Each structure stands twice: as C-alpha cells, then as structure tokens.
Amino acid sequence: MVQVWQQESEDYLRPHLDALLEQAVEKDCGKSLMTEGFPAWLDNVVINKNTIQRPGRTSYKVRINIESESTIKDVSLLRWPDSHISSEKQISQKVDIDTDNERQLHYTSKNYSLSSDLKSGLYQIIISDVNGESWKSWVILDSITPAQEVRWESRDSWAVDKKKLLNPSCPLPRQTVEVLEYSEGKYSRVWQKSYESRYPKQLPKNSVEPNRYLVSVSMINSRWQGPIIIQEQNTISKTIDLTEE
C-alpha cells in the first residue's frame, strides 16, 4: 500500500484508502501490515489522533507517545513526501523504572495542535535518540469511522454510539473520564478513570465534591500497523455544575 501511494495520484487514491485499509486490518487488526519490529532501544510507539468537541468549538490534536531505553532527541511526523503536519508542537519527557524488567524507561510525548482534521494519507514517523540512533517508518493514517463514539446526551450525561461491529482482533475501545477543577488561573485534575466495558453514562456518585468542573469524556479506538499502535480518539468536554442530591 505504501508503494502504491508513492506511485499513484493522491487525489485518485484517497477515496479508496479507507476501504482498502479497513479490509487490510480486518484479519489481525493490522499487526501483519509491517514485518519489521522496533530496534532494541525502542519499546513502544503510539500515534493518537484526537478530535475534541467543546461547546461552539472543535479542535484537532495528534500525540505521539514513545517508550524507549534511551533519551529521545527528536520526533517528527511528516506527510508524504516531506511536509510537517503542524508548526504548533510541544514535547515532554520523563524517566521511570520498569519494575517488571528492572530497567530504566524513557517516556516521550510529542503533541501537535492542528487547524483541521489530519487528512487520510501516507506519513513518515522519524525518531532519533541522543546516542545517534534513528528509526523511521511509513504510516498510513485514515478517516475510517471508529467502532464507537461518545456524545453528550443531556446536561450531565453522555452516550456511546456503536457505529459498527467490533473487530475481535483489536483492543476493546476504551472510555476515559476526567474531571478538572479551575483554580488560581489553571485547571488541575481531581478525578480520572478508564473503562474497557460497562461504560458509565454519568460521573459515579460521590466521585467528587459538589462544585463546578470541566468534565471530559473520550472514546479511544485502537488498531495496529505492525508494531505501531494507531488510536482514533473522540473527546467531548464541557463545564458542569455538580450539586448535592
């Protein structure tokens, strides 16, 4: 598929890309789309596309999460043939201990803010570390309708719409619920939980004290492209006044 995209007209291919890719990932959720794995210094790569809906506003973000044994120097996501997806970007890093394997892991996250949704097409991810090592791979990103999406149903409740049957080879869609409180000029998280089944439709009782909060609910649908995890996320967010019942 990568070779076809590089050789054929993008305008010709785009209408067919989602159907072709959906068919390709049907068997094993995309694990066999790439035969090569990560180099020894690279453990995990996740590309997350997030559409965030707030009252009167929709924004788009792409986040690349990396787990590695060495410190990451740079991360790039380029649209074929060589276009950067956004000039608005931010990178954060932290180091933690993998207690299971008794080793040090570096966690790197690069966030892109976009003016519109990322177009379907061919992209290249390039990762380099401080030791001079570099790894790159072609990635096909799509606009396939996710299996499940979340939307507001009432003032303080939400619903999950099932768009199509789940692929049994893919991870279960994950719902995350986050509650943020505004204080001293900034938001801070006061409660968060993730669910892979029995998705709630409201905040659990007594999860937070009565107050005004920013409530954010996401559905994350995942697939693979070889060793890379591709996530399609939709997020709804708004301010809710929680009162004592």
Protein backbone atom coordinates (compact mmCIF):
# COMPACT_ATOMS: atom_id res chain seq x y z
CA MET A 1 0.00 0.00 0.00
CA VAL A 2 2.90 2.35 0.73
CA GLN A 3 4.43 1.76 -2.72
CA VAL A 4 1.07 2.30 -4.42
CA TRP A 5 0.59 5.60 -2.56
CA GLN A 6 4.04 6.81 -3.58
CA GLN A 7 3.46 5.96 -7.24
CA GLU A 8 -0.18 6.90 -7.82
CA SER A 9 -2.04 10.22 -7.69
CA GLU A 10 -3.12 11.16 -4.16
CA ASP A 11 -6.44 12.51 -5.46
CA TYR A 12 -7.11 9.15 -7.11
CA LEU A 13 -6.19 7.07 -4.08
CA ARG A 14 -7.78 8.99 -1.20
CA PRO A 15 -11.42 7.96 -1.92
CA HIS A 16 -10.36 4.30 -1.84
CA LEU A 17 -7.86 4.41 1.02
CA ASP A 18 -10.23 3.89 3.93
CA ALA A 19 -11.92 0.89 2.29
CA LEU A 20 -8.57 -0.69 1.39
CA LEU A 21 -7.11 -0.16 4.85
CA GLU A 22 -10.23 -1.38 6.63
CA GLN A 23 -10.06 -4.57 4.60
CA ALA A 24 -6.33 -4.94 5.31
CA VAL A 25 -6.73 -4.70 9.11
CA GLU A 26 -9.76 -6.99 9.29
CA LYS A 27 -7.74 -10.20 9.77
CA ASP A 28 -5.45 -9.32 12.68
CA CYS A 29 -6.17 -5.63 13.37
CA GLY A 30 -3.15 -4.58 11.32
CA LYS A 31 -0.38 -6.48 13.12
CA SER A 32 0.81 -8.08 9.87
CA LEU A 33 0.90 -4.84 7.86
CA MET A 34 4.57 -4.46 8.82
CA THR A 35 7.02 -7.32 9.25
CA GLU A 36 9.84 -5.34 10.87
CA GLY A 37 9.76 -4.62 14.58
CA PHE A 38 11.37 -1.89 16.66
CA PRO A 39 15.13 -1.61 17.20
CA ALA A 40 16.46 -2.71 20.59
CA TRP A 41 16.45 0.82 22.06
CA LEU A 42 12.79 1.48 21.16
CA ASP A 43 9.98 -0.27 23.07
CA ASN A 44 6.67 1.23 22.03
CA VAL A 45 5.18 3.87 19.70
CA VAL A 46 1.58 5.14 19.78
CA ILE A 47 0.11 7.65 17.32
CA ASN A 48 -3.09 9.20 18.70
CA LYS A 49 -5.48 11.33 16.61
CA ASN A 50 -7.94 13.24 18.80
CA THR A 51 -11.00 15.27 17.81
CA ILE A 52 -12.06 17.44 20.76
CA GLN A 53 -15.57 18.90 20.86
CA ARG A 54 -16.37 21.73 23.23
CA PRO A 55 -19.49 23.92 23.14
CA GLY A 56 -19.14 26.02 19.98
CA ARG A 57 -15.68 24.74 19.13
CA THR A 58 -13.95 21.69 17.63
CA SER A 59 -10.18 21.24 17.78
CA TYR A 60 -7.79 18.59 16.49
CA LYS A 61 -4.64 17.16 18.01
CA VAL A 62 -2.10 14.46 17.24
CA ARG A 63 0.01 12.96 20.01
CA ILE A 64 2.96 10.60 19.62
CA ASN A 65 3.84 8.59 22.74
CA ILE A 66 7.16 6.75 22.86
CA GLU A 67 8.71 4.33 25.34
CA SER A 68 12.46 3.85 24.91
CA GLU A 69 15.58 2.69 26.74
CA SER A 70 17.50 5.80 25.68
CA THR A 71 16.67 9.51 25.77
CA ILE A 72 14.79 10.65 22.67
CA LYS A 73 16.32 13.64 20.90
CA ASP A 74 13.71 14.32 18.22
CA VAL A 75 10.37 13.06 16.90
CA SER A 76 8.86 14.03 13.54
CA LEU A 77 5.67 13.11 11.71
CA LEU A 78 5.84 14.09 8.04
CA ARG A 79 3.13 13.95 5.41
CA TRP A 80 4.29 12.39 2.13
CA PRO A 81 6.52 13.49 0.60
CA ASP A 82 8.07 15.89 3.16
CA SER A 83 5.50 18.23 4.79
CA HIS A 84 5.40 18.84 8.55
CA ILE A 85 1.84 18.42 9.83
CA SER A 86 1.94 21.49 12.11
CA SER A 87 4.26 24.18 13.41
CA GLU A 88 2.39 24.17 16.76
CA LYS A 89 4.02 21.40 18.75
CA GLN A 90 5.17 20.62 22.27
CA ILE A 91 7.35 17.81 23.61
CA SER A 92 7.53 16.42 27.16
CA GLN A 93 9.71 13.71 28.67
CA LYS A 94 10.04 11.75 31.90
CA VAL A 95 12.05 8.79 33.16
CA ASP A 96 10.63 5.88 35.15
CA ILE A 97 11.69 2.43 36.31
CA ASP A 98 10.21 -0.67 34.65
CA THR A 99 9.92 -2.80 37.79
CA ASP A 100 8.98 -5.97 35.89
CA ASN A 101 12.19 -5.96 33.85
CA GLU A 102 14.34 -3.93 36.27
CA ARG A 103 15.38 -1.31 33.76
CA GLN A 104 15.00 2.42 33.18
CA LEU A 105 12.48 3.57 30.59
CA HIS A 106 12.16 6.99 28.98
CA TYR A 107 8.65 8.24 28.20
CA THR A 108 8.41 10.88 25.48
CA SER A 109 5.24 12.60 24.28
CA LYS A 110 5.03 14.99 21.34
CA ASN A 111 1.77 16.91 20.84
CA TYR A 112 0.68 18.66 17.65
CA SER A 113 -2.17 21.20 17.51
CA LEU A 114 -3.88 21.22 14.11
CA SER A 115 -6.17 23.73 12.41
CA SER A 116 -8.19 20.90 10.82
CA ASP A 117 -8.51 17.14 10.99
CA LEU A 118 -5.48 15.20 9.75
CA LYS A 119 -6.06 14.10 6.16
CA SER A 120 -6.02 10.46 5.17
CA GLY A 121 -2.76 9.53 3.51
CA LEU A 122 0.82 8.42 3.77
CA TYR A 123 3.01 9.72 6.60
CA GLN A 124 6.50 9.02 7.85
CA ILE A 125 7.45 8.91 11.52
CA ILE A 126 11.11 9.56 12.37
CA ILE A 127 12.54 9.03 15.87
CA SER A 128 16.14 9.69 16.92
CA ASP A 129 17.90 9.40 20.27
CA VAL A 130 20.86 11.13 21.91
CA ASN A 131 23.17 8.23 21.02
CA GLY A 132 22.85 8.91 17.29
CA GLU A 133 20.44 6.04 16.65
CA SER A 134 17.49 6.69 14.33
CA TRP A 135 14.37 4.77 13.31
CA LYS A 136 11.74 5.64 10.74
CA SER A 137 8.67 4.00 9.30
CA TRP A 138 5.88 4.71 6.84
CA VAL A 139 2.44 5.00 8.40
CA ILE A 140 -0.92 5.12 6.62
CA LEU A 141 -3.42 7.24 8.55
CA ASP A 142 -7.09 7.02 7.64
CA SER A 143 -10.53 8.50 8.27
CA ILE A 144 -12.27 5.20 8.94
CA THR A 145 -15.34 5.61 11.13
CA PRO A 146 -14.41 4.28 14.58
CA ALA A 147 -16.41 1.42 16.06
CA GLN A 148 -17.67 3.51 18.98
CA GLU A 149 -18.01 7.25 19.61
CA VAL A 150 -19.17 9.28 22.59
CA ARG A 151 -21.59 12.24 22.59
CA TRP A 152 -23.47 14.31 25.16
CA GLU A 153 -26.99 13.05 25.84
CA SER A 154 -28.09 15.59 28.45
CA ARG A 155 -26.65 18.29 30.70
CA ASP A 156 -24.52 15.89 32.73
CA SER A 157 -24.78 12.52 30.97
CA TRP A 158 -23.31 11.04 27.82
CA ALA A 159 -23.95 8.13 25.46
CA VAL A 160 -21.77 5.77 23.43
CA ASP A 161 -22.86 5.27 19.83
CA LYS A 162 -21.94 1.91 18.30
CA LYS A 163 -21.12 2.67 14.67
CA LYS A 164 -20.18 -0.87 13.59
CA LEU A 165 -19.24 -4.30 14.89
CA LEU A 166 -16.03 -4.59 16.87
CA ASN A 167 -13.05 -6.34 15.32
CA PRO A 168 -12.30 -9.19 17.77
CA SER A 169 -8.58 -8.92 16.92
CA CYS A 170 -8.42 -5.28 18.05
CA PRO A 171 -8.21 -3.96 21.63
CA LEU A 172 -11.56 -3.11 23.17
CA PRO A 173 -12.50 0.57 22.81
CA ARG A 174 -11.51 2.41 25.98
CA GLN A 175 -13.52 5.17 27.62
CA THR A 176 -11.72 7.68 29.81
CA VAL A 177 -13.49 10.16 32.09
CA GLU A 178 -11.60 13.11 33.51
CA VAL A 179 -12.74 15.82 35.93
CA LEU A 180 -10.81 19.09 36.14
CA GLU A 181 -11.20 21.97 38.58
CA TYR A 182 -10.28 25.57 37.75
CA SER A 183 -8.31 27.27 40.50
CA GLU A 184 -5.75 30.07 40.61
CA GLY A 185 -5.75 30.55 36.86
CA LYS A 186 -5.28 26.94 35.80
CA TYR A 187 -7.05 23.58 35.56
CA SER A 188 -5.98 20.66 37.74
CA ARG A 189 -7.24 17.09 37.56
CA VAL A 190 -9.28 15.97 40.57
CA TRP A 191 -10.60 12.63 39.29
CA GLN A 192 -9.96 10.24 36.41
CA LYS A 193 -10.91 6.69 35.45
CA SER A 194 -10.76 4.41 32.39
CA TYR A 195 -13.19 1.70 31.32
CA GLU A 196 -12.99 -1.10 28.73
CA SER A 197 -16.53 -2.39 29.29
CA ARG A 198 -19.73 -1.36 31.04
CA TYR A 199 -19.12 2.24 30.11
CA PRO A 200 -20.74 4.69 32.54
CA LYS A 201 -23.09 7.40 31.32
CA GLN A 202 -22.56 9.78 34.22
CA LEU A 203 -19.97 10.50 36.87
CA PRO A 204 -20.19 7.93 39.68
CA LYS A 205 -21.90 9.22 42.80
CA ASN A 206 -19.54 10.78 45.34
CA SER A 207 -16.63 10.72 42.89
CA VAL A 208 -16.05 14.44 43.51
CA GLU A 209 -17.37 17.11 45.86
CA PRO A 210 -20.22 19.36 44.62
CA ASN A 211 -18.70 22.19 42.59
CA ARG A 212 -18.25 23.48 39.05
CA TYR A 213 -15.98 21.24 36.97
CA LEU A 214 -14.74 20.73 33.46
CA VAL A 215 -15.76 17.18 32.54
CA SER A 216 -14.04 15.46 29.64
CA VAL A 217 -15.11 12.08 28.21
CA SER A 218 -13.21 10.20 25.50
CA MET A 219 -13.61 7.03 23.45
CA ILE A 220 -10.34 5.59 22.16
CA ASN A 221 -10.43 3.03 19.32
CA SER A 222 -7.10 1.30 18.61
CA ARG A 223 -5.53 -0.76 15.83
CA TRP A 224 -2.00 -1.71 14.85
CA GLN A 225 0.21 -1.01 11.91
CA GLY A 226 2.83 -3.64 12.55
CA PRO A 227 4.29 -2.79 15.98
CA ILE A 228 2.88 0.77 15.96
CA ILE A 229 -0.41 1.42 17.76
CA ILE A 230 -2.78 3.80 15.93
CA GLN A 231 -5.50 5.39 18.08
CA GLU A 232 -8.59 7.23 16.88
CA GLN A 233 -9.98 9.26 19.79
CA ASN A 234 -13.03 11.48 20.09
CA THR A 235 -13.40 13.69 23.16
CA ILE A 236 -16.35 15.70 24.43
CA SER A 237 -15.75 18.35 27.06
CA LYS A 238 -17.85 20.95 28.86
CA THR A 239 -18.35 22.70 32.19
CA ILE A 240 -20.84 21.04 34.53
CA ASP A 241 -22.21 22.26 37.86
CA LEU A 242 -22.48 19.29 40.23
CA THR A 243 -24.84 19.79 43.15
CA GLU A 244 -25.75 17.72 46.18
CA GLU A 245 -28.68 15.42 45.58
